[in-house]
Amino acid sequence: MASDIRACIFDVFGTVVDWRTSVSKDLAAFAESKGIPGIDWLAFAVAWRKLYQPAMEEVRSGRRGWTVLDVLHRESLVKLIGEFAVKGLSDADIDHMNRAWHRLDPWPDAVPGLTRLKTKHIIAPCSNGNIALMVNMAKRAGLPWDCVLGAETARAYKPMPEAYLSACRMLDLKPAQVLMVAAHNGDLKAAKAQGLATAFVPRPTEHGPGQTTDLAADPACVDIAADSFTDLAQKLGC
């Protein structure tokens, strides 16, 4: 199967980058610069992430028209600012906080592994993040994407089939020639259902030290189980 793979597309939040640590540190540093005391920014980041799926579900269900993730994130942020009683923020401050998702740090193996994979394969994100978010993140973190695919180009949020099939069409490849890489078995199950090949790379601390989900690959939906992006590159002959 590895010899048939022409492109690798990647989940990003949690798989390529460490959102939990990055967002909490970014917000804490901003709060310190603004003199905002007494907020548990790690709890804030986790609460923000919990609003991610419900916000996208409004779009997936058709109850809301197509809306990019930056807008959904900002709406959730405004809600949390009220719940956590964060005072004294301007619209510009809120915009800066919202772009914490543009400033996420990669896992240590991400850039070396992507760089190796790029030598033989097209590599691109297949993320629910919008194009500006993905591009800004890549420029800051040194993620060497060949192009940016995902929700905004598909106008569909994962795990909707179009999110995966659109990426294949845009690369002019059959689904079986495209490897979806993720740290989340649910994402891979959805990709597999559309005929894509799948690879699981674990991120056992994505949700903190007590994580209980996605610690191992589900053999029912995973073709390749790798320990890291560099191990995946090795398995694909890169």
Protein backbone atom coordinates (compact mmCIF):
# COMPACT_ATOMS: atom_id res chain seq x y z
CA MET A 1 0.00 0.00 0.00
CA ALA A 2 2.81 2.44 0.84
CA SER A 3 4.01 2.35 -2.77
CA ASP A 4 0.61 3.64 -3.95
CA ILE A 5 0.61 6.71 -1.70
CA ARG A 6 1.12 9.97 -3.58
CA ALA A 7 0.04 12.47 -0.93
CA CYS A 8 -0.18 12.68 2.85
CA ILE A 9 -2.82 14.97 4.34
CA PHE A 10 -2.89 15.78 8.01
CA ASP A 11 -5.19 16.60 10.84
CA VAL A 12 -3.49 19.57 12.48
CA PHE A 13 -4.93 20.48 15.91
CA GLY A 14 -3.52 17.86 18.27
CA THR A 15 -1.79 15.85 15.54
CA VAL A 16 0.73 18.35 14.15
CA VAL A 17 0.58 21.00 16.89
CA ASP A 18 0.11 21.04 20.67
CA TRP A 19 -2.94 23.30 21.01
CA ARG A 20 -3.46 22.81 24.77
CA THR A 21 -0.02 23.99 25.90
CA SER A 22 0.29 26.59 23.16
CA VAL A 23 -3.03 28.35 23.67
CA SER A 24 -2.76 28.42 27.46
CA LYS A 25 0.78 29.82 27.39
CA ASP A 26 -0.09 32.38 24.73
CA LEU A 27 -3.12 33.65 26.67
CA ALA A 28 -1.22 33.70 29.97
CA ALA A 29 1.58 35.78 28.45
CA PHE A 30 -0.94 38.21 26.95
CA ALA A 31 -2.82 38.49 30.25
CA GLU A 32 0.42 39.26 32.08
CA SER A 33 1.24 41.98 29.56
CA LYS A 34 -2.21 43.50 30.11
CA GLY A 35 -2.14 43.14 33.91
CA ILE A 36 -5.06 40.70 33.99
CA PRO A 37 -4.78 38.59 37.18
CA GLY A 38 -6.38 35.46 38.56
CA ILE A 39 -7.40 33.47 35.47
CA ASP A 40 -6.61 29.77 35.02
CA TRP A 41 -5.61 30.00 31.38
CA LEU A 42 -5.14 26.26 31.00
CA ALA A 43 -8.75 25.72 32.09
CA PHE A 44 -9.74 28.54 29.73
CA ALA A 45 -7.96 26.87 26.79
CA VAL A 46 -9.60 23.52 27.52
CA ALA A 47 -13.03 25.16 27.82
CA TRP A 48 -12.45 26.96 24.52
CA ARG A 49 -11.61 23.68 22.80
CA LYS A 50 -14.79 22.08 24.19
CA LEU A 51 -16.83 24.64 22.25
CA TYR A 52 -15.09 23.68 18.97
CA GLN A 53 -17.25 20.73 17.94
CA PRO A 54 -20.61 22.28 18.95
CA ALA A 55 -19.79 25.41 16.95
CA MET A 56 -18.90 23.41 13.83
CA GLU A 57 -21.95 21.21 14.25
CA GLU A 58 -24.16 24.25 13.67
CA VAL A 59 -22.54 24.52 10.23
CA ARG A 60 -22.41 20.78 9.52
CA SER A 61 -26.10 20.40 10.35
CA GLY A 62 -27.13 23.21 8.00
CA ARG A 63 -28.58 25.28 10.83
CA ARG A 64 -25.92 27.86 9.96
CA GLY A 65 -24.37 28.80 6.63
CA TRP A 66 -20.71 28.27 5.87
CA THR A 67 -18.60 30.07 8.49
CA VAL A 68 -14.82 29.84 8.86
CA LEU A 69 -13.24 28.59 12.05
CA ASP A 70 -11.70 31.96 13.00
CA VAL A 71 -15.23 33.37 13.29
CA LEU A 72 -16.49 30.37 15.27
CA HIS A 73 -13.45 30.56 17.56
CA ARG A 74 -14.01 34.27 18.20
CA GLU A 75 -17.67 33.76 19.10
CA SER A 76 -16.69 31.03 21.56
CA LEU A 77 -13.94 33.27 22.95
CA VAL A 78 -16.36 36.11 23.63
CA LYS A 79 -18.64 33.68 25.46
CA LEU A 80 -15.76 32.43 27.63
CA ILE A 81 -14.51 35.94 28.40
CA GLY A 82 -17.90 36.52 30.00
CA GLU A 83 -17.95 33.18 31.83
CA PHE A 84 -14.42 33.65 33.21
CA ALA A 85 -15.14 37.33 34.03
CA VAL A 86 -12.15 38.66 32.11
CA LYS A 87 -12.41 42.46 32.23
CA GLY A 88 -11.02 45.40 30.33
CA LEU A 89 -10.47 43.88 26.89
CA SER A 90 -10.77 45.87 23.68
CA ASP A 91 -11.89 44.42 20.36
CA ALA A 92 -8.23 44.44 19.30
CA ASP A 93 -7.33 42.49 22.44
CA ILE A 94 -9.99 39.90 21.66
CA ASP A 95 -8.74 39.63 18.08
CA HIS A 96 -5.20 39.04 19.36
CA MET A 97 -6.39 36.36 21.77
CA ASN A 98 -8.40 34.67 19.03
CA ARG A 99 -5.29 34.41 16.89
CA ALA A 100 -3.61 32.29 19.58
CA TRP A 101 -4.78 29.44 17.32
CA HIS A 102 -2.56 30.87 14.58
CA ARG A 103 0.46 30.65 16.91
CA LEU A 104 0.46 27.00 17.96
CA ASP A 105 3.74 25.17 18.50
CA PRO A 106 4.43 21.89 16.67
CA TRP A 107 5.17 18.63 18.41
CA PRO A 108 8.96 18.01 18.38
CA ASP A 109 8.80 15.36 15.62
CA ALA A 110 6.40 17.29 13.37
CA VAL A 111 8.75 19.48 11.32
CA PRO A 112 11.49 16.84 10.90
CA GLY A 113 8.92 14.22 9.95
CA LEU A 114 7.05 16.47 7.52
CA THR A 115 10.32 17.51 5.92
CA ARG A 116 11.21 13.87 5.27
CA LEU A 117 7.73 13.00 4.01
CA LYS A 118 7.84 15.97 1.63
CA THR A 119 10.83 14.49 -0.19
CA LYS A 120 8.59 11.82 -1.76
CA HIS A 121 5.01 12.90 -1.17
CA ILE A 122 2.76 15.90 -1.48
CA ILE A 123 2.01 17.06 2.06
CA ALA A 124 -0.90 19.29 3.07
CA PRO A 125 -3.14 19.96 6.05
CA CYS A 126 -6.66 18.58 5.97
CA SER A 127 -7.81 20.61 8.94
CA ASN A 128 -10.96 22.32 10.11
CA GLY A 129 -8.85 25.46 10.39
CA ASN A 130 -9.37 28.12 7.74
CA ILE A 131 -6.72 29.06 5.19
CA ALA A 132 -5.41 32.18 6.95
CA LEU A 133 -5.09 30.24 10.21
CA MET A 134 -3.22 27.38 8.54
CA VAL A 135 -0.89 29.66 6.58
CA ASN A 136 -0.04 31.86 9.57
CA MET A 137 0.58 28.80 11.73
CA ALA A 138 2.80 27.23 9.09
CA LYS A 139 4.89 30.37 8.60
CA ARG A 140 5.49 30.71 12.34
CA ALA A 141 6.08 27.03 13.09
CA GLY A 142 8.03 26.14 9.95
CA LEU A 143 5.52 23.59 8.68
CA PRO A 144 6.62 22.85 5.09
CA TRP A 145 3.23 22.28 3.46
CA ASP A 146 3.03 22.03 -0.33
CA CYS A 147 -0.46 23.55 -0.27
CA VAL A 148 -3.33 24.17 2.16
CA LEU A 149 -6.42 21.97 1.96
CA GLY A 150 -9.22 21.29 4.38
CA ALA A 151 -12.48 22.78 5.55
CA GLU A 152 -12.39 26.15 3.84
CA THR A 153 -11.43 24.77 0.42
CA ALA A 154 -14.05 22.01 0.82
CA ARG A 155 -16.61 24.26 2.54
CA ALA A 156 -17.24 21.30 4.81
CA TYR A 157 -16.04 20.46 8.31
CA LYS A 158 -14.64 17.04 9.11
CA PRO A 159 -15.88 14.37 9.49
CA MET A 160 -18.18 15.25 6.57
CA PRO A 161 -17.17 13.19 3.51
CA GLU A 162 -16.56 16.26 1.36
CA ALA A 163 -13.76 17.41 3.67
CA TYR A 164 -11.73 14.37 2.62
CA LEU A 165 -12.92 13.87 -0.94
CA SER A 166 -12.36 17.51 -1.87
CA ALA A 167 -8.69 17.20 -0.91
CA CYS A 168 -8.32 14.18 -3.18
CA ARG A 169 -10.00 15.94 -6.09
CA MET A 170 -7.92 19.08 -5.71
CA LEU A 171 -4.77 16.97 -5.87
CA ASP A 172 -6.17 15.03 -8.85
CA LEU A 173 -5.65 11.79 -6.95
CA LYS A 174 -7.81 8.80 -6.17
CA PRO A 175 -8.72 8.47 -2.47
CA ALA A 176 -6.59 5.30 -2.21
CA GLN A 177 -3.55 7.36 -3.26
CA VAL A 178 -4.04 9.78 -0.37
CA LEU A 179 -2.96 8.98 3.18
CA MET A 180 -4.90 10.72 5.95
CA VAL A 181 -2.69 11.13 9.02
CA ALA A 182 -4.20 11.87 12.42
CA ALA A 183 -3.91 11.26 16.14
CA HIS A 184 -7.67 10.72 16.33
CA ASN A 185 -9.24 7.41 15.39
CA GLY A 186 -12.59 9.07 14.66
CA ASP A 187 -11.02 11.26 11.98
CA LEU A 188 -9.36 8.23 10.42
CA LYS A 189 -12.58 6.21 10.52
CA ALA A 190 -14.32 8.95 8.55
CA ALA A 191 -11.48 9.17 6.02
CA LYS A 192 -11.34 5.40 5.64
CA ALA A 193 -15.06 5.33 4.88
CA GLN A 194 -14.35 7.54 1.86
CA GLY A 195 -11.63 5.21 0.55
CA LEU A 196 -8.54 7.06 1.80
CA ALA A 197 -5.57 5.23 3.27
CA THR A 198 -5.01 6.04 6.95
CA ALA A 199 -2.13 6.45 9.39
CA PHE A 200 -2.33 6.91 13.15
CA VAL A 201 0.32 8.79 15.12
CA PRO A 202 -0.40 8.94 18.87
CA ARG A 203 -0.33 12.19 20.85
CA PRO A 204 -0.91 10.79 24.35
CA THR A 205 -0.61 14.18 26.08
CA GLU A 206 -2.80 16.24 23.70
CA HIS A 207 -5.41 16.51 26.45
CA GLY A 208 -2.98 16.53 29.34
CA PRO A 209 -1.34 13.88 31.53
CA GLY A 210 -4.61 12.08 32.29
CA GLN A 211 -5.62 11.46 28.68
CA THR A 212 -7.63 8.28 28.17
CA THR A 213 -8.65 8.55 24.50
CA ASP A 214 -6.76 7.84 21.26
CA LEU A 215 -3.82 6.23 23.01
CA ALA A 216 -3.52 3.52 20.36
CA ALA A 217 -4.57 2.92 16.78
CA ASP A 218 -7.93 1.30 16.06
CA PRO A 219 -7.07 -1.59 13.71
CA ALA A 220 -10.56 -1.39 12.19
CA CYS A 221 -9.78 1.94 10.53
CA VAL A 222 -5.98 2.35 10.57
CA ASP A 223 -3.71 1.05 7.82
CA ILE A 224 -0.40 2.27 9.26
CA ALA A 225 0.37 2.78 12.96
CA ALA A 226 3.46 4.90 13.58
CA ASP A 227 5.12 6.15 16.76
CA SER A 228 5.86 9.61 15.32
CA PHE A 229 6.00 11.55 12.08
CA THR A 230 9.61 10.48 11.64
CA ASP A 231 8.61 6.85 12.15
CA LEU A 232 5.84 7.34 9.59
CA ALA A 233 8.38 8.75 7.14
CA GLN A 234 10.56 5.67 7.69
CA LYS A 235 7.57 3.37 7.11
CA LEU A 236 6.84 5.17 3.84
CA GLY A 237 10.44 4.90 2.69
CA CYS A 238 11.34 8.58 3.14
